[in-house]
């Protein structure tokens, strides 16, 4: 019966392969080393590392990725795009026809998230962008942005290009979850209740602060913006009333709590579109709200964005600042090569072997063997993904996302045994669950091994 159950299970997986495409989440991870000399904890999140983009047109239809009428799109210097030259009324756009990311742009990594706009697209918050991140240091975090703006009309300022919606907390919707949210007023710190789905909007400031010195620029003729990125702290939302009407520019304080219970868990951070034509290089979450008072814009660039900063992420073998598929694939290749490169020796025992793979998966990445898409869980979507890759028991090269979970660069029964033995199947994120009882794991393994033995006899 166990064998028949697994046969039906795998048959179902192969059937699903025809119609399901597993999503690959991008999770930006903090290291315990992400602390400034003054004790400030931080996490930098690249704009182009967005995990999910939802695009909706005027009819409410979700647009495919790459649709030119979409609002949020990822842009880079390798495939440049230009801003519009005519506005919705056919008038010349002031400063139109510019590269969104010019060759000389100071965007980190050469990419950003652009809030696009066309006459056919909606000008509302129905379009969202969501990032995923994992903190290792509990704290109250303030949000900084590295951003630029472009003009999209015949008006000689940035009045219509300068705002987004942000969420009241991690794992919350950037619009609806403001209603009923218990926060505090920014200027008085008195308790206040959110009462509008528009409480969470904030302007992209034209005031750029550099070590306490303020420079204001609202001129689309200038090169001050137009692909040149600047830092701002975004720590207050605009105050709206229960009818969604503007009250004043001082509303609820915006700050993000990471509790001890949230450490090691994958958290969502979602923004929504409001006024288009801003480009976000990334977000900096820091436990101090004084960085722009203490440092110049250039100093912040040098530390957080340029080569002087060591991301400090153990197991980040490709230097991307995150623990992702390229890292585990590099580690598996090193295990298979048996060259014992010290860079990959996470256990510091002089060898690079499966103990280092176990350290990367369980300790550094805090996930399960079998988590093919590295979203923090081992479930049916991972099995769909690896069987869809089509390398099972074919003695063909395989990567982690294709089922190589034991470092031999192949996907076979040994990988399934390693994954189910780890105990994470369908139990949720590692930090939030108790490992299954040994008897449960044993039953799963017995079924798997029996299936594989029978398969080999038949063959």
Protein backbone atom coordinates (compact mmCIF):
# COMPACT_ATOMS: atom_id res chain seq x y z
CA UNK A 1 0.00 0.00 0.00
CA UNK A 2 2.85 2.38 0.82
CA UNK A 3 4.41 1.69 -2.58
CA UNK A 4 1.13 2.25 -4.37
CA UNK A 5 0.59 5.49 -2.46
CA UNK A 6 3.95 6.80 -3.53
CA UNK A 7 3.30 5.71 -7.09
CA UNK A 8 0.10 7.72 -7.11
CA UNK A 9 1.90 10.60 -5.43
CA UNK A 10 4.64 10.80 -8.03
CA UNK A 11 2.15 10.29 -10.86
CA UNK A 12 0.28 13.32 -9.54
CA UNK A 13 3.51 15.31 -9.43
CA UNK A 14 4.33 14.50 -13.03
CA UNK A 15 0.81 15.51 -14.05
CA UNK A 16 1.18 18.78 -12.22
CA UNK A 17 4.45 19.43 -14.05
CA UNK A 18 2.46 20.03 -17.20
CA UNK A 19 0.57 22.97 -15.75
CA UNK A 20 2.43 24.33 -12.70
CA UNK A 21 5.46 26.57 -12.73
CA UNK A 22 7.02 26.93 -9.29
CA UNK A 23 8.01 30.46 -8.34
CA UNK A 24 11.59 31.25 -7.36
CA UNK A 25 11.57 33.57 -4.37
CA UNK A 26 14.41 36.01 -3.82
CA UNK A 27 15.11 36.37 -0.10
CA UNK A 28 17.55 39.05 1.09
CA UNK A 29 19.22 37.93 4.30
CA UNK A 30 20.76 39.85 7.14
CA UNK A 31 23.90 38.65 8.87
CA UNK A 32 24.68 39.07 12.57
CA UNK A 33 27.68 41.06 11.26
CA UNK A 34 25.39 43.75 9.80
CA UNK A 35 26.07 46.19 12.63
CA UNK A 36 27.75 49.61 12.44
CA UNK A 37 30.35 50.72 14.97
CA UNK A 38 27.66 52.64 16.86
CA UNK A 39 25.53 49.50 17.22
CA UNK A 40 23.10 50.25 14.39
CA UNK A 41 21.75 47.04 12.83
CA UNK A 42 20.97 47.19 9.12
CA UNK A 43 19.81 45.32 6.04
CA UNK A 44 20.15 46.58 2.44
CA UNK A 45 17.58 45.26 -0.06
CA UNK A 46 18.18 45.75 -3.78
CA UNK A 47 15.20 47.12 -5.72
CA UNK A 48 15.70 44.59 -8.50
CA UNK A 49 15.66 41.73 -5.97
CA UNK A 50 11.86 42.02 -5.88
CA UNK A 51 10.20 38.64 -5.20
CA UNK A 52 6.76 39.39 -6.65
CA UNK A 53 5.28 41.96 -9.02
CA UNK A 54 1.52 42.22 -9.43
CA UNK A 55 0.46 44.35 -12.37
CA UNK A 56 -3.16 45.24 -13.03
CA UNK A 57 -4.60 47.26 -15.91
CA UNK A 58 -7.67 49.49 -15.95
CA UNK A 59 -9.93 46.48 -16.41
CA UNK A 60 -8.45 44.69 -13.42
CA UNK A 61 -6.56 42.16 -15.54
CA UNK A 62 -3.20 40.98 -14.24
CA UNK A 63 -0.56 41.86 -16.83
CA UNK A 64 2.21 39.52 -17.84
CA UNK A 65 5.80 40.29 -16.86
CA UNK A 66 7.39 42.57 -19.43
CA UNK A 67 4.10 44.17 -20.50
CA UNK A 68 4.97 47.78 -21.51
CA UNK A 69 1.80 49.06 -19.81
CA UNK A 70 2.81 47.62 -16.44
CA UNK A 71 3.56 49.92 -13.53
CA UNK A 72 6.40 48.30 -11.58
CA UNK A 73 9.15 46.91 -13.82
CA UNK A 74 12.78 45.97 -13.23
CA UNK A 75 15.22 48.08 -15.25
CA UNK A 76 18.97 47.75 -15.73
CA UNK A 77 21.81 49.36 -17.59
CA UNK A 78 22.31 46.36 -19.86
CA UNK A 79 18.88 46.76 -21.49
CA UNK A 80 18.11 50.49 -21.14
CA UNK A 81 14.65 51.99 -21.55
CA UNK A 82 13.69 55.62 -22.03
CA UNK A 83 11.06 57.78 -20.39
CA UNK A 84 8.13 59.06 -22.45
CA UNK A 85 8.39 62.20 -24.59
CA UNK A 86 4.65 63.03 -24.85
CA UNK A 87 2.24 63.12 -21.92
CA UNK A 88 -1.35 61.88 -21.86
CA UNK A 89 -2.54 65.11 -23.56
CA UNK A 90 0.10 64.97 -26.26
CA UNK A 91 2.23 67.78 -24.81
CA UNK A 92 6.00 67.63 -24.71
CA UNK A 93 7.27 66.15 -21.47
CA UNK A 94 9.81 68.37 -19.76
CA UNK A 95 12.98 66.34 -19.61
CA UNK A 96 11.41 63.43 -21.52
CA UNK A 97 13.14 60.76 -23.56
CA UNK A 98 15.86 60.05 -20.98
CA UNK A 99 17.52 56.76 -20.11
CA UNK A 100 15.94 55.46 -16.90
CA UNK A 101 19.35 54.10 -15.87
CA UNK A 102 22.02 56.07 -17.75
CA UNK A 103 25.51 54.63 -18.03
CA UNK A 104 26.77 57.03 -15.36
CA UNK A 105 23.96 56.22 -12.91
CA UNK A 106 24.98 55.45 -9.32
CA UNK A 107 22.40 52.66 -8.99
CA UNK A 108 23.75 49.77 -6.94
CA UNK A 109 24.31 46.68 -9.05
CA UNK A 110 23.27 48.48 -12.22
CA UNK A 111 19.55 47.81 -11.65
CA UNK A 112 16.47 49.28 -10.00
CA UNK A 113 12.68 48.99 -9.76
CA UNK A 114 10.95 51.60 -11.90
CA UNK A 115 7.38 52.80 -11.34
CA UNK A 116 6.48 52.93 -15.01
CA UNK A 117 3.58 54.84 -16.58
CA UNK A 118 1.73 54.88 -19.87
CA UNK A 119 -1.62 56.46 -20.77
CA UNK A 120 -3.12 52.95 -20.83
CA UNK A 121 -1.97 52.12 -17.31
CA UNK A 122 -3.81 52.85 -14.04
CA UNK A 123 -2.69 55.57 -11.64
CA UNK A 124 -3.59 53.80 -8.43
CA UNK A 125 -2.31 51.37 -5.82
CA UNK A 126 -3.61 48.21 -7.47
CA UNK A 127 -0.07 47.44 -8.66
CA UNK A 128 2.25 46.07 -5.98
CA UNK A 129 5.87 45.05 -5.54
CA UNK A 130 6.90 42.67 -2.77
CA UNK A 131 10.35 41.88 -1.41
CA UNK A 132 11.24 39.06 0.95
CA UNK A 133 13.84 39.39 3.67
CA UNK A 134 15.16 37.56 6.68
CA UNK A 135 16.53 39.32 9.76
CA UNK A 136 18.95 37.96 12.31
CA UNK A 137 18.92 40.94 14.68
CA UNK A 138 15.68 41.91 16.48
CA UNK A 139 15.15 45.67 16.58
CA UNK A 140 12.91 48.55 15.52
CA UNK A 141 13.94 49.37 11.96
CA UNK A 142 13.52 52.64 10.08
CA UNK A 143 13.22 52.66 6.30
CA UNK A 144 15.60 54.57 4.06
CA UNK A 145 15.33 54.68 0.27
CA UNK A 146 17.91 55.22 -2.46
CA UNK A 147 15.84 56.62 -5.32
CA UNK A 148 15.55 58.96 -8.26
CA UNK A 149 12.69 60.62 -10.16
CA UNK A 150 11.81 61.51 -13.75
CA UNK A 151 9.23 63.92 -15.10
CA UNK A 152 6.23 62.58 -17.04
CA UNK A 153 4.24 65.72 -17.96
CA UNK A 154 4.50 69.32 -19.10
CA UNK A 155 4.54 70.64 -15.53
CA UNK A 156 8.03 71.90 -14.57
CA UNK A 157 8.26 70.11 -11.21
CA UNK A 158 7.92 66.65 -9.62
CA UNK A 159 4.49 67.19 -8.09
CA UNK A 160 2.92 64.26 -9.96
CA UNK A 161 5.78 61.78 -9.78
CA UNK A 162 6.66 61.56 -6.16
CA UNK A 163 4.79 59.07 -3.95
CA UNK A 164 4.21 55.41 -3.11
CA UNK A 165 2.20 53.43 -0.55
CA UNK A 166 4.12 51.53 2.12
CA UNK A 167 2.86 48.91 4.62
CA UNK A 168 2.35 49.55 8.35
CA UNK A 169 4.45 46.48 9.24
CA UNK A 170 6.15 43.49 7.68
CA UNK A 171 3.80 40.83 6.30
CA UNK A 172 1.08 43.45 5.82
CA UNK A 173 -0.74 44.86 2.81
CA UNK A 174 0.39 48.36 1.85
CA UNK A 175 -3.19 49.60 1.49
CA UNK A 176 -5.92 47.77 3.37
CA UNK A 177 -3.94 46.87 6.50
CA UNK A 178 -3.60 50.51 7.52
CA UNK A 179 -7.29 50.51 8.45
CA UNK A 180 -7.43 49.66 12.14
CA UNK A 181 -3.65 49.60 12.53
CA UNK A 182 -2.56 50.69 16.01
CA UNK A 183 0.40 53.02 15.64
CA UNK A 184 1.59 56.38 16.88
CA UNK A 185 1.44 59.86 15.42
CA UNK A 186 4.81 60.92 14.03
CA UNK A 187 5.02 64.36 15.64
CA UNK A 188 3.51 63.66 19.08
CA UNK A 189 4.16 59.88 19.49
CA UNK A 190 0.61 59.60 20.82
CA UNK A 191 -1.29 56.42 20.03
CA UNK A 192 -3.34 56.71 16.87
CA UNK A 193 -5.52 54.32 14.90
CA UNK A 194 -5.25 54.07 11.12
CA UNK A 195 -8.62 54.85 9.52
CA UNK A 196 -7.95 54.96 5.76
CA UNK A 197 -6.54 52.70 3.07
CA UNK A 198 -4.57 55.77 2.01
CA UNK A 199 -2.94 56.36 5.38
CA UNK A 200 0.20 54.69 4.14
CA UNK A 201 1.22 56.96 1.30
CA UNK A 202 4.36 59.03 1.45
CA UNK A 203 6.10 61.40 -0.95
CA UNK A 204 9.54 60.78 -2.34
CA UNK A 205 11.19 63.80 -0.80
CA UNK A 206 12.78 66.53 -2.88
CA UNK A 207 14.77 67.43 0.23
CA UNK A 208 18.08 65.56 0.23
CA UNK A 209 19.86 65.52 3.60
CA UNK A 210 23.62 65.00 3.79
CA UNK A 211 25.09 65.02 7.32
CA UNK A 212 22.31 67.33 8.45
CA UNK A 213 22.62 69.72 5.49
CA UNK A 214 19.44 69.99 3.39
CA UNK A 215 19.42 70.50 -0.38
CA UNK A 216 16.08 70.86 -2.19
CA UNK A 217 15.65 70.24 -5.89
CA UNK A 218 12.31 70.16 -7.72
CA UNK A 219 13.61 71.03 -11.18
CA UNK A 220 13.13 68.45 -13.98
CA UNK A 221 15.49 70.47 -16.20
CA UNK A 222 18.30 69.71 -13.75
CA UNK A 223 20.47 66.58 -13.72
CA UNK A 224 20.07 66.38 -9.94
CA UNK A 225 17.51 63.55 -10.31
CA UNK A 226 16.96 61.93 -13.77
CA UNK A 227 18.85 58.73 -12.96
CA UNK A 228 21.01 60.10 -10.14
CA UNK A 229 20.02 58.40 -6.88
CA UNK A 230 19.84 60.02 -3.45
CA UNK A 231 19.08 58.83 0.08
CA UNK A 232 16.07 59.77 2.17
CA UNK A 233 14.53 58.46 5.37
CA UNK A 234 10.89 57.54 4.95
CA UNK A 235 9.56 57.46 8.49
CA UNK A 236 6.16 59.11 8.33
CA UNK A 237 2.99 58.67 6.33
CA UNK A 238 0.61 61.39 5.17
CA UNK A 239 -2.48 61.86 7.35
CA UNK A 240 -5.80 61.00 5.68
CA UNK A 241 -9.28 60.94 7.20
CA UNK A 242 -11.80 58.09 7.18
CA UNK A 243 -13.12 59.35 3.80
CA UNK A 244 -9.65 59.11 2.23
CA UNK A 245 -9.23 62.90 2.10
CA UNK A 246 -5.92 64.59 2.86
CA UNK A 247 -5.63 66.16 6.32
CA UNK A 248 -1.95 67.15 6.54
CA UNK A 249 1.52 65.88 5.78
CA UNK A 250 2.12 64.57 9.30
CA UNK A 251 0.49 61.24 10.00
CA UNK A 252 1.42 57.89 11.50
CA UNK A 253 5.06 57.05 12.16
CA UNK A 254 6.48 54.42 9.82
CA UNK A 255 8.81 51.93 11.47
CA UNK A 256 9.14 48.19 11.33
CA UNK A 257 9.42 45.88 14.33
CA UNK A 258 11.43 42.68 14.13
CA UNK A 259 10.78 40.67 17.27
CA UNK A 260 12.73 37.69 18.58
CA UNK A 261 10.00 35.44 17.18
CA UNK A 262 10.44 36.96 13.71
CA UNK A 263 14.20 36.37 13.57
CA UNK A 264 15.09 33.78 10.94
CA UNK A 265 11.67 33.88 9.30
CA UNK A 266 11.02 35.11 5.77
CA UNK A 267 9.15 38.43 5.96
CA UNK A 268 7.26 40.21 3.18
CA UNK A 269 7.63 43.93 2.51
CA UNK A 270 5.11 45.28 0.01
CA UNK A 271 4.71 48.70 -1.62
CA UNK A 272 1.93 49.89 -3.93
CA UNK A 273 1.94 52.32 -6.85
CA UNK A 274 0.60 55.84 -6.37
CA UNK A 275 2.31 58.54 -8.47
CA UNK A 276 4.64 57.09 -11.14
CA UNK A 277 8.08 57.77 -12.51
CA UNK A 278 10.21 57.16 -9.48
CA UNK A 279 12.96 54.52 -9.59
CA UNK A 280 13.97 52.70 -6.42
CA UNK A 281 17.55 51.46 -6.24
CA UNK A 282 16.76 49.77 -2.94
CA UNK A 283 15.66 50.00 0.67
CA UNK A 284 17.89 50.25 3.71
CA UNK A 285 16.36 49.10 6.99
CA UNK A 286 18.37 50.47 9.92
CA UNK A 287 17.80 50.58 13.66
CA UNK A 288 18.84 54.25 13.75
CA UNK A 289 16.85 57.14 12.28
CA UNK A 290 19.90 59.45 12.37
CA UNK A 291 22.05 58.13 9.53
CA UNK A 292 21.44 61.21 7.36
CA UNK A 293 22.32 63.42 10.30
CA UNK A 294 25.52 61.51 11.09
CA UNK A 295 26.83 60.78 7.58
CA UNK A 296 27.04 62.40 4.17
CA UNK A 297 25.25 60.92 1.16
CA UNK A 298 28.62 59.85 -0.21
CA UNK A 299 29.62 58.12 3.00
CA UNK A 300 26.39 56.13 3.03
CA UNK A 301 26.97 55.23 -0.64
CA UNK A 302 30.50 54.05 0.12
CA UNK A 303 29.51 51.85 3.03
CA UNK A 304 26.25 50.29 1.93
CA UNK A 305 26.54 50.28 -1.87
CA UNK A 306 30.17 50.29 -2.95
CA UNK A 307 32.90 47.70 -2.69
CA UNK A 308 34.09 48.93 0.73
CA UNK A 309 31.19 47.17 2.41
CA UNK A 310 31.53 43.53 3.33
CA UNK A 311 28.05 42.05 3.28
CA UNK A 312 29.19 39.67 6.02
CA UNK A 313 26.84 36.87 4.98
CA UNK A 314 28.41 33.52 5.83
CA UNK A 315 27.94 31.18 2.90
CA UNK A 316 27.55 33.98 0.33
CA UNK A 317 30.12 32.53 -2.05
CA UNK A 318 29.25 34.72 -5.05
CA UNK A 319 29.28 38.01 -3.09
CA UNK A 320 25.68 38.94 -3.90
CA UNK A 321 24.81 39.76 -0.28
CA UNK A 322 22.23 36.97 -0.10
CA UNK A 323 22.22 33.21 0.35
CA UNK A 324 20.63 31.95 -2.84
CA UNK A 325 20.77 29.23 -5.47
CA UNK A 326 24.15 30.21 -6.99
CA UNK A 327 25.73 29.84 -3.53
CA UNK A 328 24.45 26.33 -2.78
CA UNK A 329 25.26 25.24 -6.34
CA UNK A 330 28.83 26.52 -5.95
CA UNK A 331 29.11 24.63 -2.66
CA UNK A 332 27.81 21.39 -4.19
CA UNK A 333 30.28 21.73 -7.06
CA UNK A 334 33.10 22.22 -4.54
CA UNK A 335 31.99 19.17 -2.54
CA UNK A 336 32.01 17.11 -5.71
CA UNK A 337 35.43 18.48 -6.76
CA UNK A 338 36.96 17.43 -3.39
CA UNK A 339 39.52 20.26 -3.48
CA UNK A 340 38.68 21.40 0.06
CA UNK A 341 38.82 25.10 -0.76
CA UNK A 342 38.87 26.89 2.61
CA UNK A 343 36.35 29.45 1.40
CA UNK A 344 33.68 26.74 1.41
CA UNK A 345 34.72 25.12 4.70
CA UNK A 346 31.82 26.38 6.80
CA UNK A 347 32.46 23.85 9.59
CA UNK A 348 36.18 24.78 9.74
CA UNK A 349 37.30 21.16 9.91
CA UNK A 350 39.70 21.35 6.96
CA UNK A 351 37.31 19.53 4.61
CA UNK A 352 34.51 20.59 2.27
CA UNK A 353 31.89 17.87 2.41
CA UNK A 354 28.24 17.20 3.24
CA UNK A 355 28.73 18.58 6.73
CA UNK A 356 29.31 21.98 5.12
CA UNK A 357 26.23 21.53 2.97
CA UNK A 358 24.23 20.74 6.11
CA UNK A 359 25.62 23.87 7.76
CA UNK A 360 24.70 26.03 4.75
CA UNK A 361 21.16 24.66 4.55
CA UNK A 362 20.23 24.35 8.23
CA UNK A 363 22.38 26.93 10.03
CA UNK A 364 23.09 29.70 7.53
CA UNK A 365 20.04 29.56 5.25
CA UNK A 366 17.77 28.18 8.00
CA UNK A 367 15.76 26.02 5.68
CA UNK A 368 15.21 22.34 4.87
CA UNK A 369 16.88 19.88 2.57
CA UNK A 370 14.43 19.58 -0.31
CA UNK A 371 13.67 23.32 -0.41
CA UNK A 372 14.41 23.51 -4.13
CA UNK A 373 13.26 27.12 -4.62
CA UNK A 374 14.72 28.36 -1.30
CA UNK A 375 11.50 29.95 -0.12
CA UNK A 376 12.08 28.59 3.39
CA UNK A 377 9.81 25.55 3.10
CA UNK A 378 9.94 22.02 1.69
CA UNK A 379 6.62 21.18 0.11
CA UNK A 380 4.95 19.85 -3.02
CA UNK A 381 5.97 22.86 -5.11
CA UNK A 382 9.61 21.88 -4.60
CA UNK A 383 8.93 18.31 -5.74
CA UNK A 384 7.04 19.61 -8.77
CA UNK A 385 10.00 21.81 -9.62
CA UNK A 386 12.66 19.11 -9.44
CA UNK A 387 10.68 16.48 -11.32
CA UNK A 388 9.81 19.07 -13.93
CA UNK A 389 13.55 19.54 -14.54
CA UNK A 390 13.58 15.99 -15.91
CA UNK A 391 16.94 14.71 -14.59
CA UNK A 392 15.71 12.13 -12.06
CA UNK A 393 17.76 8.88 -12.17
CA UNK A 394 19.19 9.83 -15.58
CA UNK A 395 22.78 10.36 -14.40
CA UNK A 396 22.74 13.84 -15.85
CA UNK A 397 24.17 16.93 -14.11
CA UNK A 398 21.69 18.54 -11.70
CA UNK A 399 21.73 21.64 -9.54
CA UNK A 400 20.06 22.24 -6.16
CA UNK A 401 16.88 23.53 -7.80
CA UNK A 402 16.88 20.42 -10.00
CA UNK A 403 17.09 18.00 -7.06
CA UNK A 404 20.78 17.73 -6.12
CA UNK A 405 20.34 17.85 -2.35
CA UNK A 406 23.37 15.74 -1.34
CA UNK A 407 26.19 17.34 -3.31
CA UNK A 408 26.83 14.62 -5.92
CA UNK A 409 25.55 16.80 -8.81
CA UNK A 410 22.85 14.25 -9.65
CA UNK A 411 19.15 13.91 -8.79
CA UNK A 412 18.29 10.41 -7.63
CA UNK A 413 16.82 8.47 -4.72
CA UNK A 414 19.67 9.54 -2.44
CA UNK A 415 18.51 13.14 -2.68
CA UNK A 416 14.93 12.22 -1.79
CA UNK A 417 16.15 10.20 1.18
CA UNK A 418 18.27 13.16 2.40
CA UNK A 419 15.34 15.55 2.02
CA UNK A 420 12.70 13.44 3.77
CA UNK A 421 15.14 12.42 6.48
CA UNK A 422 15.60 16.10 7.34
CA UNK A 423 11.93 16.12 8.37
CA UNK A 424 10.72 19.33 6.81
CA UNK A 425 8.18 18.12 4.26
CA UNK A 426 4.95 20.19 4.48
CA UNK A 427 5.69 21.42 8.02
CA UNK A 428 6.35 25.10 7.20
CA UNK A 429 9.40 27.33 7.80
CA UNK A 430 12.18 25.75 9.82
CA UNK A 431 12.20 28.39 12.55
CA UNK A 432 8.50 27.91 13.25
CA UNK A 433 8.15 24.14 13.53
CA UNK A 434 9.18 21.12 15.54
CA UNK A 435 11.05 18.42 13.62
CA UNK A 436 8.80 15.38 13.05
CA UNK A 437 9.16 12.32 15.25
CA UNK A 438 11.78 9.80 14.05
CA UNK A 439 9.03 7.21 13.49
CA UNK A 440 7.30 9.55 11.03
CA UNK A 441 10.51 10.15 9.10
CA UNK A 442 11.25 6.42 9.10
CA UNK A 443 7.88 5.61 7.55
CA UNK A 444 8.49 8.13 4.79
CA UNK A 445 11.94 6.71 4.13
CA UNK A 446 10.69 3.13 4.10
CA UNK A 447 8.14 4.08 1.48
CA UNK A 448 10.69 5.90 -0.63
CA UNK A 449 13.34 3.19 -0.43
CA UNK A 450 10.78 0.47 -1.20
CA UNK A 451 9.62 2.41 -4.22
CA UNK A 452 13.15 2.85 -5.52
CA UNK A 453 14.05 -0.83 -4.98
CA UNK A 454 10.92 -1.94 -6.83
CA UNK A 455 11.68 0.51 -9.62
CA UNK A 456 15.17 -0.89 -10.08
CA UNK A 457 13.94 -4.52 -10.11
CA UNK A 458 11.38 -3.70 -12.77
CA UNK A 459 14.01 -1.91 -14.85
